[in-house]
Amino acid sequence: MITRRRLLQTSAPLAAGLGLLGVGVAPAAAQGAYDMTEMLKPGPLPEMSLGKADAPITIIEYASMTCIHCAHFHETVFPYLKQKYIDTGKVRMIYREFPLDPLAAAASMLIRCSPQDKFFELVGLFNEKRDTWISQSKPVEALANFSKQIGFTEQTFKTCITDQKLFDSLNEVRNRGSEVFKIDGTPTFFVNGRKSVGLGTKEELDKALEPFL
């Protein structure tokens, strides 16, 4: 469980708490299947999605902002997914947070505190610039400095990352993913309920979607 106290600590103790920084899982074969009605039940946070609501395929991604494999997906595979499948009405994609550490939780909170229409743009930006805001020695300072580039002030930054309700909601989404859908690494995808870990290449994505097209 990520605690608010761990999130707000600075210097060495927080750096030590970021031992999972960059943790992810390598691509693997599809596994299991879950009922989509259960998967799509409303959670404590607004659902962030791209694509037509009646698209024949729904992809749900659980990701952590400090996960290097998540960054790889969003930098290399996501543009292909969006152009070939989302923009053409074949796929609706839903993004859900699964923070692996306090810094990932803080980054997700900053994105949630920003305008909703900037959500996916900011997810992409955080992944693209991860070397700028991820720091083992001064994690809070690095994140605060980066937040200024996306419109935060010192005060709005502090207000956001100390928002207890938002923090608890992120934890609720993460815990449900872990307990109900057995997620233990990121990124984890569900393609029409079918669990698929990784999707690190365009070919893997095509293969995962092919049965539903």
C-alpha atoms as a PDB file:
ATOM      1  CA  MET A   1       0.000   0.000   0.000  1.00  0.00           C
ATOM      2  CA  ILE A   2       1.339   3.425  -0.949  1.00  0.00           C
ATOM      3  CA  THR A   3       0.825   5.823   1.933  1.00  0.00           C
ATOM      4  CA  ARG A   4       0.436   9.571   1.784  1.00  0.00           C
ATOM      5  CA  ARG A   5       3.343   9.945   4.187  1.00  0.00           C
ATOM      6  CA  ARG A   6       5.644   8.056   1.838  1.00  0.00           C
ATOM      7  CA  LEU A   7       4.490  10.202  -1.058  1.00  0.00           C
ATOM      8  CA  LEU A   8       5.426  13.441   0.657  1.00  0.00           C
ATOM      9  CA  GLN A   9       8.782  12.455   2.132  1.00  0.00           C
ATOM     10  CA  THR A  10      11.894  13.957   0.616  1.00  0.00           C
ATOM     11  CA  SER A  11      15.598  13.158   0.220  1.00  0.00           C
ATOM     12  CA  ALA A  12      17.021   9.751   1.097  1.00  0.00           C
ATOM     13  CA  PRO A  13      13.977   8.115   2.721  1.00  0.00           C
ATOM     14  CA  LEU A  14      11.788   8.780  -0.299  1.00  0.00           C
ATOM     15  CA  ALA A  15      14.547   7.806  -2.691  1.00  0.00           C
ATOM     16  CA  ALA A  16      14.830   4.511  -0.852  1.00  0.00           C
ATOM     17  CA  GLY A  17      11.075   4.102  -1.132  1.00  0.00           C
ATOM     18  CA  LEU A  18      11.364   4.305  -4.903  1.00  0.00           C
ATOM     19  CA  GLY A  19      13.040   0.938  -5.219  1.00  0.00           C
ATOM     20  CA  LEU A  20      10.401  -0.108  -7.731  1.00  0.00           C
ATOM     21  CA  LEU A  21      11.311   2.803  -9.991  1.00  0.00           C
ATOM     22  CA  GLY A  22      11.125   1.664 -13.576  1.00  0.00           C
ATOM     23  CA  VAL A  23       9.780  -1.752 -12.676  1.00  0.00           C
ATOM     24  CA  GLY A  24       7.656  -3.379 -15.309  1.00  0.00           C
ATOM     25  CA  VAL A  25       7.175  -6.719 -16.940  1.00  0.00           C
ATOM     26  CA  ALA A  26       8.349  -8.021 -20.249  1.00  0.00           C
ATOM     27  CA  PRO A  27       5.796  -8.881 -22.929  1.00  0.00           C
ATOM     28  CA  ALA A  28       4.082 -12.208 -22.423  1.00  0.00           C
ATOM     29  CA  ALA A  29       1.329 -14.286 -23.968  1.00  0.00           C
ATOM     30  CA  ALA A  30      -2.318 -13.405 -23.462  1.00  0.00           C
ATOM     31  CA  GLN A  31      -3.833 -14.993 -20.400  1.00  0.00           C
ATOM     32  CA  GLY A  32      -7.235 -15.292 -18.779  1.00  0.00           C
ATOM     33  CA  ALA A  33     -10.440 -13.422 -19.538  1.00  0.00           C
ATOM     34  CA  TYR A  34     -12.748 -11.234 -17.473  1.00  0.00           C
ATOM     35  CA  ASP A  35     -16.335 -10.174 -17.864  1.00  0.00           C
ATOM     36  CA  MET A  36     -16.446  -6.751 -19.484  1.00  0.00           C
ATOM     37  CA  THR A  37     -19.462  -5.694 -17.443  1.00  0.00           C
ATOM     38  CA  GLU A  38     -17.378  -6.182 -14.322  1.00  0.00           C
ATOM     39  CA  MET A  39     -14.345  -4.487 -15.853  1.00  0.00           C
ATOM     40  CA  LEU A  40     -16.325  -1.422 -16.897  1.00  0.00           C
ATOM     41  CA  LYS A  41     -17.974  -0.789 -13.528  1.00  0.00           C
ATOM     42  CA  PRO A  42     -17.512   2.889 -12.568  1.00  0.00           C
ATOM     43  CA  GLY A  43     -14.631   3.588 -10.214  1.00  0.00           C
ATOM     44  CA  PRO A  44     -13.831   6.551  -7.966  1.00  0.00           C
ATOM     45  CA  LEU A  45     -12.150   8.518 -10.770  1.00  0.00           C
ATOM     46  CA  PRO A  46     -13.551   9.713 -14.101  1.00  0.00           C
ATOM     47  CA  GLU A  47     -12.786   7.155 -16.806  1.00  0.00           C
ATOM     48  CA  MET A  48     -10.211   8.509 -19.248  1.00  0.00           C
ATOM     49  CA  SER A  49     -10.691   7.107 -22.719  1.00  0.00           C
ATOM     50  CA  LEU A  50     -10.069   7.630 -26.410  1.00  0.00           C
ATOM     51  CA  GLY A  51     -12.180   6.367 -29.289  1.00  0.00           C
ATOM     52  CA  LYS A  52     -15.820   5.632 -30.029  1.00  0.00           C
ATOM     53  CA  ALA A  53     -17.899   4.357 -27.136  1.00  0.00           C
ATOM     54  CA  ASP A  54     -19.418   1.671 -29.405  1.00  0.00           C
ATOM     55  CA  ALA A  55     -16.124   0.489 -30.887  1.00  0.00           C
ATOM     56  CA  PRO A  56     -16.039  -3.320 -31.284  1.00  0.00           C
ATOM     57  CA  ILE A  57     -12.859  -3.580 -29.209  1.00  0.00           C
ATOM     58  CA  THR A  58     -12.216  -2.059 -25.800  1.00  0.00           C
ATOM     59  CA  ILE A  59      -8.647  -1.982 -24.509  1.00  0.00           C
ATOM     60  CA  ILE A  60      -8.114  -1.192 -20.836  1.00  0.00           C
ATOM     61  CA  GLU A  61      -4.539  -0.333 -19.920  1.00  0.00           C
ATOM     62  CA  TYR A  62      -3.217  -0.337 -16.354  1.00  0.00           C
ATOM     63  CA  ALA A  63       0.053   1.605 -16.226  1.00  0.00           C
ATOM     64  CA  SER A  64       2.530   3.224 -13.861  1.00  0.00           C
ATOM     65  CA  MET A  65       4.157   6.530 -14.694  1.00  0.00           C
ATOM     66  CA  THR A  66       7.599   5.276 -13.596  1.00  0.00           C
ATOM     67  CA  CYS A  67       7.416   2.022 -15.564  1.00  0.00           C
ATOM     68  CA  ILE A  68       9.935   1.911 -18.400  1.00  0.00           C
ATOM     69  CA  HIS A  69       7.881  -0.658 -20.329  1.00  0.00           C
ATOM     70  CA  CYS A  70       4.838   1.628 -20.104  1.00  0.00           C
ATOM     71  CA  ALA A  71       6.926   4.475 -21.489  1.00  0.00           C
ATOM     72  CA  HIS A  72       8.104   2.220 -24.321  1.00  0.00           C
ATOM     73  CA  PHE A  73       4.517   1.335 -25.215  1.00  0.00           C
ATOM     74  CA  HIS A  74       3.358   4.942 -25.251  1.00  0.00           C
ATOM     75  CA  GLU A  75       6.325   6.123 -27.280  1.00  0.00           C
ATOM     76  CA  THR A  76       6.485   3.346 -29.875  1.00  0.00           C
ATOM     77  CA  VAL A  77       3.217   1.376 -30.011  1.00  0.00           C
ATOM     78  CA  PHE A  78       0.528   3.833 -28.906  1.00  0.00           C
ATOM     79  CA  PRO A  79       0.867   6.166 -31.956  1.00  0.00           C
ATOM     80  CA  TYR A  80       0.330   3.112 -34.190  1.00  0.00           C
ATOM     81  CA  LEU A  81      -2.631   1.977 -32.077  1.00  0.00           C
ATOM     82  CA  LYS A  82      -4.220   5.404 -32.264  1.00  0.00           C
ATOM     83  CA  GLN A  83      -3.774   5.855 -36.004  1.00  0.00           C
ATOM     84  CA  LYS A  84      -4.731   2.350 -37.124  1.00  0.00           C
ATOM     85  CA  TYR A  85      -7.371   1.359 -34.602  1.00  0.00           C
ATOM     86  CA  ILE A  86      -8.634   4.208 -32.394  1.00  0.00           C
ATOM     87  CA  ASP A  87      -9.008   6.923 -35.026  1.00  0.00           C
ATOM     88  CA  THR A  88     -10.703   4.472 -37.409  1.00  0.00           C
ATOM     89  CA  GLY A  89     -13.384   3.512 -34.889  1.00  0.00           C
ATOM     90  CA  LYS A  90     -12.171  -0.038 -34.233  1.00  0.00           C
ATOM     91  CA  VAL A  91     -10.886   0.491 -30.667  1.00  0.00           C
ATOM     92  CA  ARG A  92     -11.872   2.373 -27.567  1.00  0.00           C
ATOM     93  CA  MET A  93      -8.957   2.688 -25.172  1.00  0.00           C
ATOM     94  CA  ILE A  94      -9.319   3.273 -21.436  1.00  0.00           C
ATOM     95  CA  TYR A  95      -6.333   4.272 -19.292  1.00  0.00           C
ATOM     96  CA  ARG A  96      -6.215   3.415 -15.588  1.00  0.00           C
ATOM     97  CA  GLU A  97      -3.495   4.229 -13.080  1.00  0.00           C
ATOM     98  CA  PHE A  98      -1.562   1.463 -11.333  1.00  0.00           C
ATOM     99  CA  PRO A  99       1.250   3.351  -9.535  1.00  0.00           C
ATOM    100  CA  LEU A 100       4.163   1.126  -8.553  1.00  0.00           C
ATOM    101  CA  ASP A 101       5.729   3.634  -6.175  1.00  0.00           C
ATOM    102  CA  PRO A 102       5.145   7.048  -4.535  1.00  0.00           C
ATOM    103  CA  LEU A 103       6.646   9.021  -7.405  1.00  0.00           C
ATOM    104  CA  ALA A 104       4.362   7.331  -9.930  1.00  0.00           C
ATOM    105  CA  ALA A 105       1.394   8.177  -7.711  1.00  0.00           C
ATOM    106  CA  ALA A 106       2.464  11.821  -7.515  1.00  0.00           C
ATOM    107  CA  ALA A 107       2.889  12.064 -11.288  1.00  0.00           C
ATOM    108  CA  SER A 108      -0.550  10.548 -11.835  1.00  0.00           C
ATOM    109  CA  MET A 109      -2.039  13.027  -9.377  1.00  0.00           C
ATOM    110  CA  LEU A 110      -0.537  15.946 -11.296  1.00  0.00           C
ATOM    111  CA  ILE A 111      -2.034  14.636 -14.526  1.00  0.00           C
ATOM    112  CA  ARG A 112      -5.421  14.228 -12.829  1.00  0.00           C
ATOM    113  CA  CYS A 113      -5.193  17.784 -11.449  1.00  0.00           C
ATOM    114  CA  SER A 114      -4.724  19.114 -14.988  1.00  0.00           C
ATOM    115  CA  PRO A 115      -7.544  19.785 -17.502  1.00  0.00           C
ATOM    116  CA  GLN A 116      -9.172  16.516 -18.573  1.00  0.00           C
ATOM    117  CA  ASP A 117      -8.759  17.296 -22.264  1.00  0.00           C
ATOM    118  CA  LYS A 118      -4.981  17.308 -21.706  1.00  0.00           C
ATOM    119  CA  PHE A 119      -4.925  13.884 -20.032  1.00  0.00           C
ATOM    120  CA  PHE A 120      -3.481  11.714 -22.800  1.00  0.00           C
ATOM    121  CA  GLU A 121      -1.210  14.512 -23.988  1.00  0.00           C
ATOM    122  CA  LEU A 122       0.289  14.718 -20.495  1.00  0.00           C
ATOM    123  CA  VAL A 123       0.594  10.957 -20.132  1.00  0.00           C
ATOM    124  CA  GLY A 124       2.627  11.036 -23.328  1.00  0.00           C
ATOM    125  CA  LEU A 125       4.703  13.986 -22.167  1.00  0.00           C
ATOM    126  CA  PHE A 126       5.530  12.424 -18.799  1.00  0.00           C
ATOM    127  CA  ASN A 127       6.610   9.234 -20.549  1.00  0.00           C
ATOM    128  CA  GLU A 128       8.651  11.103 -23.134  1.00  0.00           C
ATOM    129  CA  LYS A 129      10.417  13.283 -20.552  1.00  0.00           C
ATOM    130  CA  ARG A 130      10.789  10.659 -17.812  1.00  0.00           C
ATOM    131  CA  ASP A 131      14.539  11.275 -17.507  1.00  0.00           C
ATOM    132  CA  THR A 132      13.741  14.878 -16.581  1.00  0.00           C
ATOM    133  CA  TRP A 133      11.402  14.296 -13.657  1.00  0.00           C
ATOM    134  CA  ILE A 134      12.527  10.898 -12.327  1.00  0.00           C
ATOM    135  CA  SER A 135      15.316  11.359  -9.814  1.00  0.00           C
ATOM    136  CA  GLN A 136      16.611   8.925  -7.206  1.00  0.00           C
ATOM    137  CA  SER A 137      18.347  11.642  -5.161  1.00  0.00           C
ATOM    138  CA  LYS A 138      15.795  14.496  -5.242  1.00  0.00           C
ATOM    139  CA  PRO A 139      12.514  13.018  -6.516  1.00  0.00           C
ATOM    140  CA  VAL A 140      10.120  15.652  -5.186  1.00  0.00           C
ATOM    141  CA  GLU A 141      12.278  18.560  -6.333  1.00  0.00           C
ATOM    142  CA  ALA A 142      12.678  17.096  -9.824  1.00  0.00           C
ATOM    143  CA  LEU A 143       8.943  16.476 -10.131  1.00  0.00           C
ATOM    144  CA  ALA A 144       8.101  19.954  -8.836  1.00  0.00           C
ATOM    145  CA  ASN A 145      10.440  21.544 -11.372  1.00  0.00           C
ATOM    146  CA  PHE A 146       8.929  19.525 -14.188  1.00  0.00           C
ATOM    147  CA  SER A 147       5.399  20.425 -13.088  1.00  0.00           C
ATOM    148  CA  LYS A 148       6.154  24.095 -13.744  1.00  0.00           C
ATOM    149  CA  GLN A 149       6.544  23.232 -17.431  1.00  0.00           C
ATOM    150  CA  ILE A 150       2.924  22.078 -17.565  1.00  0.00           C
ATOM    151  CA  GLY A 151       1.425  25.045 -15.736  1.00  0.00           C
ATOM    152  CA  PHE A 152       1.783  24.318 -12.015  1.00  0.00           C
ATOM    153  CA  THR A 153       3.049  26.800  -9.467  1.00  0.00           C
ATOM    154  CA  GLU A 154       4.743  25.847  -6.225  1.00  0.00           C
ATOM    155  CA  GLN A 155       1.427  26.229  -4.415  1.00  0.00           C
ATOM    156  CA  THR A 156      -0.745  24.347  -6.929  1.00  0.00           C
ATOM    157  CA  PHE A 157       1.842  21.565  -7.025  1.00  0.00           C
ATOM    158  CA  LYS A 158       1.658  21.146  -3.240  1.00  0.00           C
ATOM    159  CA  THR A 159      -2.126  21.382  -3.261  1.00  0.00           C
ATOM    160  CA  CYS A 160      -2.382  18.651  -5.857  1.00  0.00           C
ATOM    161  CA  ILE A 161      -0.006  16.085  -4.349  1.00  0.00           C
ATOM    162  CA  THR A 162      -1.540  16.549  -0.895  1.00  0.00           C
ATOM    163  CA  ASP A 163      -5.101  15.973  -2.147  1.00  0.00           C
ATOM    164  CA  GLN A 164      -6.103  13.089   0.125  1.00  0.00           C
ATOM    165  CA  LYS A 165      -9.309  12.248  -1.761  1.00  0.00           C
ATOM    166  CA  LEU A 166      -7.472  12.003  -5.085  1.00  0.00           C
ATOM    167  CA  PHE A 167      -4.698   9.953  -3.505  1.00  0.00           C
ATOM    168  CA  ASP A 168      -7.179   7.533  -1.934  1.00  0.00           C
ATOM    169  CA  SER A 169      -9.009   7.203  -5.262  1.00  0.00           C
ATOM    170  CA  LEU A 170      -5.803   6.285  -7.072  1.00  0.00           C
ATOM    171  CA  ASN A 171      -5.106   3.651  -4.440  1.00  0.00           C
ATOM    172  CA  GLU A 172      -8.643   2.300  -4.817  1.00  0.00           C
ATOM    173  CA  VAL A 173      -8.207   1.890  -8.574  1.00  0.00           C
ATOM    174  CA  ARG A 174      -4.848   0.211  -8.048  1.00  0.00           C
ATOM    175  CA  ASN A 175      -6.090  -2.111  -5.314  1.00  0.00           C
ATOM    176  CA  ARG A 176      -9.118  -3.211  -7.328  1.00  0.00           C
ATOM    177  CA  GLY A 177      -6.855  -3.949 -10.285  1.00  0.00           C
ATOM    178  CA  SER A 178      -4.604  -6.040  -8.081  1.00  0.00           C
ATOM    179  CA  GLU A 179      -7.286  -7.874  -6.118  1.00  0.00           C
ATOM    180  CA  VAL A 180     -10.022  -8.361  -8.716  1.00  0.00           C
ATOM    181  CA  PHE A 181      -8.073  -8.544 -11.981  1.00  0.00           C
ATOM    182  CA  LYS A 182      -4.865 -10.019 -10.542  1.00  0.00           C
ATOM    183  CA  ILE A 183      -2.557  -7.336 -11.931  1.00  0.00           C
ATOM    184  CA  ASP A 184       0.978  -7.645 -10.603  1.00  0.00           C
ATOM    185  CA  GLY A 185       3.007  -5.616 -13.101  1.00  0.00           C
ATOM    186  CA  THR A 186       2.742  -2.930 -15.731  1.00  0.00           C
ATOM    187  CA  PRO A 187       1.710  -2.359 -18.365  1.00  0.00           C
ATOM    188  CA  THR A 188      -1.170  -4.821 -18.223  1.00  0.00           C
ATOM    189  CA  PHE A 189      -3.844  -4.700 -20.921  1.00  0.00           C
ATOM    190  CA  PHE A 190      -7.304  -6.184 -21.201  1.00  0.00           C
ATOM    191  CA  VAL A 191      -8.546  -6.615 -24.781  1.00  0.00           C
ATOM    192  CA  ASN A 192     -12.311  -7.157 -24.577  1.00  0.00           C
ATOM    193  CA  GLY A 193     -11.638  -8.691 -21.179  1.00  0.00           C
ATOM    194  CA  ARG A 194      -8.745 -10.886 -22.282  1.00  0.00           C
ATOM    195  CA  LYS A 195      -5.650 -10.205 -20.199  1.00  0.00           C
ATOM    196  CA  SER A 196      -2.474  -9.456 -22.121  1.00  0.00           C
ATOM    197  CA  VAL A 197       0.767  -8.325 -20.504  1.00  0.00           C
ATOM    198  CA  GLY A 198       3.239  -6.179 -22.403  1.00  0.00           C
ATOM    199  CA  LEU A 199       2.135  -5.483 -26.008  1.00  0.00           C
ATOM    200  CA  GLY A 200       5.581  -4.057 -26.583  1.00  0.00           C
ATOM    201  CA  THR A 201       5.518  -4.201 -30.388  1.00  0.00           C
ATOM    202  CA  LYS A 202       3.110  -3.374 -33.193  1.00  0.00           C
ATOM    203  CA  GLU A 203       3.081  -7.048 -34.152  1.00  0.00           C
ATOM    204  CA  GLU A 204       2.011  -8.089 -30.640  1.00  0.00           C
ATOM    205  CA  LEU A 205      -0.744  -5.496 -30.705  1.00  0.00           C
ATOM    206  CA  ASP A 206      -2.036  -6.690 -34.081  1.00  0.00           C
ATOM    207  CA  LYS A 207      -2.027 -10.285 -32.857  1.00  0.00           C
ATOM    208  CA  ALA A 208      -3.961  -9.389 -29.695  1.00  0.00           C
ATOM    209  CA  LEU A 209      -6.636  -7.482 -31.649  1.00  0.00           C
ATOM    210  CA  GLU A 210      -6.985  -9.824 -34.604  1.00  0.00           C
ATOM    211  CA  PRO A 211      -9.501 -12.251 -33.009  1.00  0.00           C
ATOM    212  CA  PHE A 212     -11.956  -9.386 -32.411  1.00  0.00           C
ATOM    213  CA  LEU A 213     -11.822  -7.720 -35.817  1.00  0.00           C
END
